[in-house]
PDB file of N, CA and C in Angstrom:
ATOM      1  N   MET A   1     102.775 124.926 108.907  1.00  0.00           N
ATOM      2  CA  MET A   1     102.698 123.662 109.797  1.00  0.00           C
ATOM      3  C   MET A   1     101.053 123.357 110.419  1.00  0.00           C
ATOM      4  N   ARG A   2     100.194 124.414 110.133  1.00  0.00           N
ATOM      5  CA  ARG A   2      98.816 123.907 110.331  1.00  0.00           C
ATOM      6  C   ARG A   2      98.476 122.710 109.220  1.00  0.00           C
ATOM      7  N   THR A   3      98.627 123.036 108.228  1.00  0.00           N
ATOM      8  CA  THR A   3      98.591 122.064 106.770  1.00  0.00           C
ATOM      9  C   THR A   3      98.995 120.794 107.304  1.00  0.00           C
ATOM     10  N   TYR A   4     100.331 120.782 107.829  1.00  0.00           N
ATOM     11  CA  TYR A   4     100.866 119.584 107.991  1.00  0.00           C
ATOM     12  C   TYR A   4     100.046 118.744 109.233  1.00  0.00           C
ATOM     13  N   LEU A   5      99.637 119.511 110.214  1.00  0.00           N
ATOM     14  CA  LEU A   5      99.118 118.864 111.502  1.00  0.00           C
ATOM     15  C   LEU A   5      97.780 118.144 111.151  1.00  0.00           C
ATOM     16  N   LEU A   6      97.034 119.266 110.115  1.00  0.00           N
ATOM     17  CA  LEU A   6      95.847 118.700 109.900  1.00  0.00           C
ATOM     18  C   LEU A   6      95.905 117.563 109.219  1.00  0.00           C
ATOM     19  N   ASP A   7      96.773 117.328 107.999  1.00  0.00           N
ATOM     20  CA  ASP A   7      96.925 116.073 107.398  1.00  0.00           C
ATOM     21  C   ASP A   7      97.430 115.055 108.169  1.00  0.00           C
ATOM     22  N   LEU A   8      98.271 115.193 109.128  1.00  0.00           N
ATOM     23  CA  LEU A   8      98.539 113.884 109.884  1.00  0.00           C
ATOM     24  C   LEU A   8      97.094 113.686 110.942  1.00  0.00           C
ATOM     25  N   ALA A   9      96.535 114.524 111.588  1.00  0.00           N
ATOM     26  CA  ALA A   9      95.398 114.233 112.440  1.00  0.00           C
ATOM     27  C   ALA A   9      94.299 113.323 111.350  1.00  0.00           C
ATOM     28  N   TYR A  10      94.403 113.823 109.894  1.00  0.00           N
ATOM     29  CA  TYR A  10      93.258 112.986 109.247  1.00  0.00           C
ATOM     30  C   TYR A  10      93.940 111.473 108.831  1.00  0.00           C
ATOM     31  N   SER A  11      95.294 111.454 108.931  1.00  0.00           N
ATOM     32  CA  SER A  11      95.795 110.276 108.494  1.00  0.00           C
ATOM     33  C   SER A  11      95.700 109.319 109.757  1.00  0.00           C
ATOM     34  N   VAL A  12      96.068 109.817 110.864  1.00  0.00           N
ATOM     35  CA  VAL A  12      95.945 108.929 111.993  1.00  0.00           C
ATOM     36  C   VAL A  12      94.652 108.501 112.284  1.00  0.00           C
ATOM     37  N   GLY A  13      94.003 109.623 112.475  1.00  0.00           N
ATOM     38  CA  GLY A  13      92.234 109.327 112.471  1.00  0.00           C
ATOM     39  C   GLY A  13      91.718 108.163 111.695  1.00  0.00           C
ATOM     40  N   GLY A  14      92.065 108.474 110.712  1.00  0.00           N
ATOM     41  CA  GLY A  14      91.436 107.300 109.796  1.00  0.00           C
ATOM     42  C   GLY A  14      92.010 106.044 109.663  1.00  0.00           C
ATOM     43  N   ALA A  15      93.281 106.054 109.797  1.00  0.00           N
ATOM     44  CA  ALA A  15      93.969 104.791 110.126  1.00  0.00           C
ATOM     45  C   ALA A  15      93.237 103.777 111.314  1.00  0.00           C
ATOM     46  N   PHE A  16      92.925 104.693 112.302  1.00  0.00           N
ATOM     47  CA  PHE A  16      92.231 103.991 113.527  1.00  0.00           C
ATOM     48  C   PHE A  16      90.426 103.646 113.046  1.00  0.00           C
ATOM     49  N   ALA A  17      89.964 104.422 112.570  1.00  0.00           N
ATOM     50  CA  ALA A  17      88.620 104.390 112.476  1.00  0.00           C
ATOM     51  C   ALA A  17      88.528 103.295 111.245  1.00  0.00           C
ATOM     52  N   LEU A  18      89.202 103.094 110.142  1.00  0.00           N
ATOM     53  CA  LEU A  18      89.274 102.132 109.136  1.00  0.00           C
ATOM     54  C   LEU A  18      89.655 100.686 109.809  1.00  0.00           C
ATOM     55  N   THR A  19      90.624 100.810 110.440  1.00  0.00           N
ATOM     56  CA  THR A  19      91.050  99.364 111.135  1.00  0.00           C
ATOM     57  C   THR A  19      89.941  98.843 112.033  1.00  0.00           C
ATOM     58  N   LEU A  20      89.432  99.829 113.064  1.00  0.00           N
ATOM     59  CA  LEU A  20      88.185  99.407 113.937  1.00  0.00           C
ATOM     60  C   LEU A  20      87.025  99.068 112.977  1.00  0.00           C
ATOM     61  N   ALA A  21      86.802  99.836 112.152  1.00  0.00           N
ATOM     62  CA  ALA A  21      85.640  99.278 111.262  1.00  0.00           C
ATOM     63  C   ALA A  21      85.891  98.086 110.618  1.00  0.00           C
ATOM     64  N   GLY A  22      87.370  97.925 109.813  1.00  0.00           N
ATOM     65  CA  GLY A  22      87.440  96.256 109.371  1.00  0.00           C
ATOM     66  C   GLY A  22      87.220  95.408 110.527  1.00  0.00           C
ATOM     67  N   LEU A  23      87.927  95.382 111.683  1.00  0.00           N
ATOM     68  CA  LEU A  23      87.916  94.471 112.828  1.00  0.00           C
ATOM     69  C   LEU A  23      86.093  94.283 112.940  1.00  0.00           C
ATOM     70  N   ALA A  24      85.266  95.289 113.083  1.00  0.00           N
ATOM     71  CA  ALA A  24      84.108  94.983 113.459  1.00  0.00           C
ATOM     72  C   ALA A  24      83.180  94.073 112.288  1.00  0.00           C
ATOM     73  N   ALA A  25      83.588  94.483 111.158  1.00  0.00           N
ATOM     74  CA  ALA A  25      83.310  93.962 109.812  1.00  0.00           C
ATOM     75  C   ALA A  25      83.278  92.353 109.791  1.00  0.00           C
ATOM     76  N   ALA A  26      84.607  92.116 110.167  1.00  0.00           N
ATOM     77  CA  ALA A  26      85.098  90.716 110.293  1.00  0.00           C
ATOM     78  C   ALA A  26      84.398  89.825 111.346  1.00  0.00           C
ATOM     79  N   ALA A  27      83.754  90.579 112.459  1.00  0.00           N
ATOM     80  CA  ALA A  27      83.302  89.621 113.471  1.00  0.00           C
ATOM     81  C   ALA A  27      81.608  89.143 112.824  1.00  0.00           C
ATOM     82  N   GLU A  28      81.415  88.102 112.772  1.00  0.00           N
ATOM     83  CA  GLU A  28      80.214  87.484 111.801  1.00  0.00           C
ATOM     84  C   GLU A  28      79.526  86.970 113.134  1.00  0.00           C
ATOM     85  N   PRO A  29      78.165  86.813 113.779  1.00  0.00           N
ATOM     86  CA  PRO A  29      77.615  88.411 113.320  1.00  0.00           C
ATOM     87  C   PRO A  29      77.940  89.355 114.253  1.00  0.00           C
ATOM     88  N   PHE A  30      77.614  90.493 113.983  1.00  0.00           N
ATOM     89  CA  PHE A  30      78.602  91.787 114.946  1.00  0.00           C
ATOM     90  C   PHE A  30      77.131  92.067 116.111  1.00  0.00           C
ATOM     91  N   ASP A  31      78.072  91.814 117.052  1.00  0.00           N
ATOM     92  CA  ASP A  31      77.011  91.772 118.324  1.00  0.00           C
ATOM     93  C   ASP A  31      77.720  93.000 119.297  1.00  0.00           C
ATOM     94  N   LEU A  32      77.179  93.931 119.622  1.00  0.00           N
ATOM     95  CA  LEU A  32      77.698  95.175 120.278  1.00  0.00           C
ATOM     96  C   LEU A  32      78.325  94.891 121.450  1.00  0.00           C
ATOM     97  N   LEU A  33      77.429  94.412 122.494  1.00  0.00           N
ATOM     98  CA  LEU A  33      77.775  93.982 123.833  1.00  0.00           C
ATOM     99  C   LEU A  33      79.092  92.873 123.775  1.00  0.00           C
ATOM    100  N   ALA A  34      78.874  91.828 122.608  1.00  0.00           N
ATOM    101  CA  ALA A  34      80.038  90.569 122.978  1.00  0.00           C
ATOM    102  C   ALA A  34      80.966  91.044 122.040  1.00  0.00           C
ATOM    103  N   PHE A  35      81.022  91.869 121.218  1.00  0.00           N
ATOM    104  CA  PHE A  35      82.383  92.196 120.738  1.00  0.00           C
ATOM    105  C   PHE A  35      83.421  92.519 121.335  1.00  0.00           C
ATOM    106  N   ASP A  36      84.641  92.424 120.983  1.00  0.00           N
ATOM    107  CA  ASP A  36      85.928  92.080 121.688  1.00  0.00           C
ATOM    108  C   ASP A  36      86.241  93.465 121.451  1.00  0.00           C
ATOM    109  N   TRP A  37      86.011  94.413 122.121  1.00  0.00           N
ATOM    110  CA  TRP A  37      86.242  95.896 122.134  1.00  0.00           C
ATOM    111  C   TRP A  37      87.844  96.188 122.846  1.00  0.00           C
ATOM    112  N   GLY A  38      88.169  95.458 123.749  1.00  0.00           N
ATOM    113  CA  GLY A  38      89.631  95.694 124.332  1.00  0.00           C
ATOM    114  C   GLY A  38      90.422  95.248 123.127  1.00  0.00           C
ATOM    115  N   THR A  39      90.653  94.216 122.659  1.00  0.00           N
ATOM    116  CA  THR A  39      91.636  93.758 121.263  1.00  0.00           C
ATOM    117  C   THR A  39      91.322  94.409 120.289  1.00  0.00           C
ATOM    118  N   SER A  40      90.428  94.882 119.651  1.00  0.00           N
ATOM    119  CA  SER A  40      90.052  95.683 118.888  1.00  0.00           C
ATOM    120  C   SER A  40      90.502  97.102 119.039  1.00  0.00           C
ATOM    121  N   LEU A  41      90.244  97.768 120.117  1.00  0.00           N
ATOM    122  CA  LEU A  41      91.026  99.276 120.264  1.00  0.00           C
ATOM    123  C   LEU A  41      92.522  98.963 120.324  1.00  0.00           C
ATOM    124  N   THR A  42      92.923  97.901 120.952  1.00  0.00           N
ATOM    125  CA  THR A  42      94.320  97.728 120.888  1.00  0.00           C
ATOM    126  C   THR A  42      95.197  97.804 119.512  1.00  0.00           C
ATOM    127  N   VAL A  43      94.780  96.866 118.792  1.00  0.00           N
ATOM    128  CA  VAL A  43      94.846  96.808 117.229  1.00  0.00           C
ATOM    129  C   VAL A  43      94.568  98.208 116.402  1.00  0.00           C
ATOM    130  N   SER A  44      93.813  98.770 116.683  1.00  0.00           N
ATOM    131  CA  SER A  44      93.335 100.005 115.995  1.00  0.00           C
ATOM    132  C   SER A  44      94.376 101.137 116.207  1.00  0.00           C
ATOM    133  N   GLY A  45      94.585 101.091 117.833  1.00  0.00           N
ATOM    134  CA  GLY A  45      95.567 101.923 118.323  1.00  0.00           C
ATOM    135  C   GLY A  45      97.056 101.991 117.859  1.00  0.00           C
ATOM    136  N   SER A  46      97.272 100.770 117.510  1.00  0.00           N
ATOM    137  CA  SER A  46      98.460 100.136 116.970  1.00  0.00           C
ATOM    138  C   SER A  46      98.813 100.755 115.565  1.00  0.00           C
ATOM    139  N   ALA A  47      97.615 100.625 114.771  1.00  0.00           N
ATOM    140  CA  ALA A  47      97.764 101.219 113.165  1.00  0.00           C
ATOM    141  C   ALA A  47      97.727 102.804 113.529  1.00  0.00           C
ATOM    142  N   ALA A  48      97.116 103.403 114.420  1.00  0.00           N
ATOM    143  CA  ALA A  48      97.092 104.877 114.536  1.00  0.00           C
ATOM    144  C   ALA A  48      98.686 105.102 114.828  1.00  0.00           C
ATOM    145  N   THR A  49      99.042 104.678 116.017  1.00  0.00           N
ATOM    146  CA  THR A  49     100.365 104.711 115.946  1.00  0.00           C
ATOM    147  C   THR A  49     101.362 104.612 114.781  1.00  0.00           C
ATOM    148  N   LEU A  50     101.447 103.483 114.093  1.00  0.00           N
ATOM    149  CA  LEU A  50     102.127 103.587 113.124  1.00  0.00           C
ATOM    150  C   LEU A  50     102.008 104.310 112.082  1.00  0.00           C
ATOM    151  N   ALA A  51     100.499 105.110 111.843  1.00  0.00           N
ATOM    152  CA  ALA A  51     100.490 106.137 111.073  1.00  0.00           C
ATOM    153  C   ALA A  51     101.281 107.344 111.361  1.00  0.00           C
ATOM    154  N   LEU A  52     100.908 107.636 112.855  1.00  0.00           N
ATOM    155  CA  LEU A  52     101.541 108.888 113.431  1.00  0.00           C
ATOM    156  C   LEU A  52     103.088 108.745 113.395  1.00  0.00           C
ATOM    157  N   LEU A  53     103.774 107.773 113.546  1.00  0.00           N
ATOM    158  CA  LEU A  53     105.241 107.186 113.218  1.00  0.00           C
ATOM    159  C   LEU A  53     105.661 107.751 111.916  1.00  0.00           C
ATOM    160  N   HIS A  54     104.905 107.278 110.881  1.00  0.00           N
ATOM    161  CA  HIS A  54     105.061 107.335 109.366  1.00  0.00           C
ATOM    162  C   HIS A  54     104.836 108.789 109.051  1.00  0.00           C
ATOM    163  N   GLY A  55     104.096 109.527 109.725  1.00  0.00           N
ATOM    164  CA  GLY A  55     103.815 111.160 109.516  1.00  0.00           C
ATOM    165  C   GLY A  55     104.948 111.884 109.965  1.00  0.00           C
ATOM    166  N   VAL A  56     105.531 111.436 110.991  1.00  0.00           N
ATOM    167  CA  VAL A  56     106.478 112.419 111.426  1.00  0.00           C
ATOM    168  C   VAL A  56     107.718 112.046 110.700  1.00  0.00           C
ATOM    169  N   ALA A  57     107.723 110.783 110.509  1.00  0.00           N
ATOM    170  CA  ALA A  57     109.060 110.547 109.699  1.00  0.00           C
ATOM    171  C   ALA A  57     108.968 111.264 108.116  1.00  0.00           C
ATOM    172  N   ALA A  58     107.960 111.566 107.502  1.00  0.00           N
ATOM    173  CA  ALA A  58     107.825 111.862 106.490  1.00  0.00           C
ATOM    174  C   ALA A  58     108.004 113.677 106.441  1.00  0.00           C
ATOM    175  N   ARG A  59     107.813 114.224 107.419  1.00  0.00           N
ATOM    176  CA  ARG A  59     108.067 115.687 107.974  1.00  0.00           C
ATOM    177  C   ARG A  59     109.088 115.944 107.580  1.00  0.00           C
ATOM    178  N   PHE A  60     110.409 115.122 107.415  1.00  0.00           N
ATOM    179  CA  PHE A  60     111.683 115.477 107.430  1.00  0.00           C
ATOM    180  C   PHE A  60     112.056 115.200 105.861  1.00  0.00           C
ATOM    181  N   GLN A  61     111.010 114.803 105.193  1.00  0.00           N
ATOM    182  CA  GLN A  61     111.603 114.475 103.641  1.00  0.00           C
ATOM    183  C   GLN A  61     110.467 114.835 102.707  1.00  0.00           C
ATOM    184  N   GLY A  62     111.039 115.287 101.498  1.00  0.00           N
ATOM    185  CA  GLY A  62     110.130 115.807 100.806  1.00  0.00           C
ATOM    186  C   GLY A  62     109.107 116.952 101.360  1.00  0.00           C
ATOM    187  N   ASP A  63     107.874 117.172 100.723  1.00  0.00           N
ATOM    188  CA  ASP A  63     106.856 118.423 101.227  1.00  0.00           C
ATOM    189  C   ASP A  63     106.805 118.557 102.635  1.00  0.00           C
ATOM    190  N   LYS A  64     107.006 119.456 103.211  1.00  0.00           N
ATOM    191  CA  LYS A  64     106.834 119.683 104.792  1.00  0.00           C
ATOM    192  C   LYS A  64     105.430 120.112 105.084  1.00  0.00           C
ATOM    193  N   ASP A  65     104.598 120.269 104.097  1.00  0.00           N
ATOM    194  CA  ASP A  65     103.103 120.335 104.584  1.00  0.00           C
ATOM    195  C   ASP A  65     102.218 119.394 104.451  1.00  0.00           C
ATOM    196  N   ARG A  66     102.787 118.070 103.892  1.00  0.00           N
ATOM    197  CA  ARG A  66     101.915 117.017 104.097  1.00  0.00           C
ATOM    198  C   ARG A  66     102.813 115.696 105.100  1.00  0.00           C
ATOM    199  N   ALA A  67     101.927 114.887 105.622  1.00  0.00           N
ATOM    200  CA  ALA A  67     102.407 113.963 106.556  1.00  0.00           C
ATOM    201  C   ALA A  67     102.382 112.790 105.912  1.00  0.00           C
ATOM    202  N   ARG A  68     103.063 112.856 104.514  1.00  0.00           N
ATOM    203  CA  ARG A  68     103.465 111.682 103.539  1.00  0.00           C
ATOM    204  C   ARG A  68     104.654 111.681 102.972  1.00  0.00           C
ATOM    205  N   PHE A  69     105.284 110.768 102.641  1.00  0.00           N
ATOM    206  CA  PHE A  69     106.312 110.680 101.787  1.00  0.00           C
ATOM    207  C   PHE A  69     106.062 111.095 100.686  1.00  0.00           C
ATOM    208  N   THR A  70     106.793 112.324  99.804  1.00  0.00           N
ATOM    209  CA  THR A  70     106.406 112.830  98.702  1.00  0.00           C
ATOM    210  C   THR A  70     107.620 113.179  98.118  1.00  0.00           C
ATOM    211  N   GLY A  71     107.713 113.936  97.165  1.00  0.00           N
ATOM    212  CA  GLY A  71     108.827 114.650  96.253  1.00  0.00           C
ATOM    213  C   GLY A  71     108.894 115.759  96.741  1.00  0.00           C
ATOM    214  N   PRO A  72     110.364 116.388  96.225  1.00  0.00           N
ATOM    215  CA  PRO A  72     110.187 117.720  96.697  1.00  0.00           C
ATOM    216  C   PRO A  72     109.140 118.947  96.331  1.00  0.00           C
ATOM    217  N   LYS A  73     108.713 119.850  97.158  1.00  0.00           N
ATOM    218  CA  LYS A  73     107.640 120.668  96.680  1.00  0.00           C
ATOM    219  C   LYS A  73     108.051 121.593  95.248  1.00  0.00           C
ATOM    220  N   GLN A  74     107.279 121.503  94.436  1.00  0.00           N
ATOM    221  CA  GLN A  74     107.673 122.349  93.002  1.00  0.00           C
ATOM    222  C   GLN A  74     107.309 123.562  93.287  1.00  0.00           C
TER     223      GLN A  74
END
């Protein structure tokens, strides 16, 4: 169970961070004070929520120690 939770946290955190970084990189030029943080955090949170739902659904199929859809554990 611990392995699954670590994998899930890694997946959700990665989705959030990569989405936020992508939105920040798309803002040209990036200005910390003028950046639309509210919208960016909402979009990043939505991506993290989808990653969480994906990980929870994957728990019931394939390898129980992974938060991804995989084949059965060998």
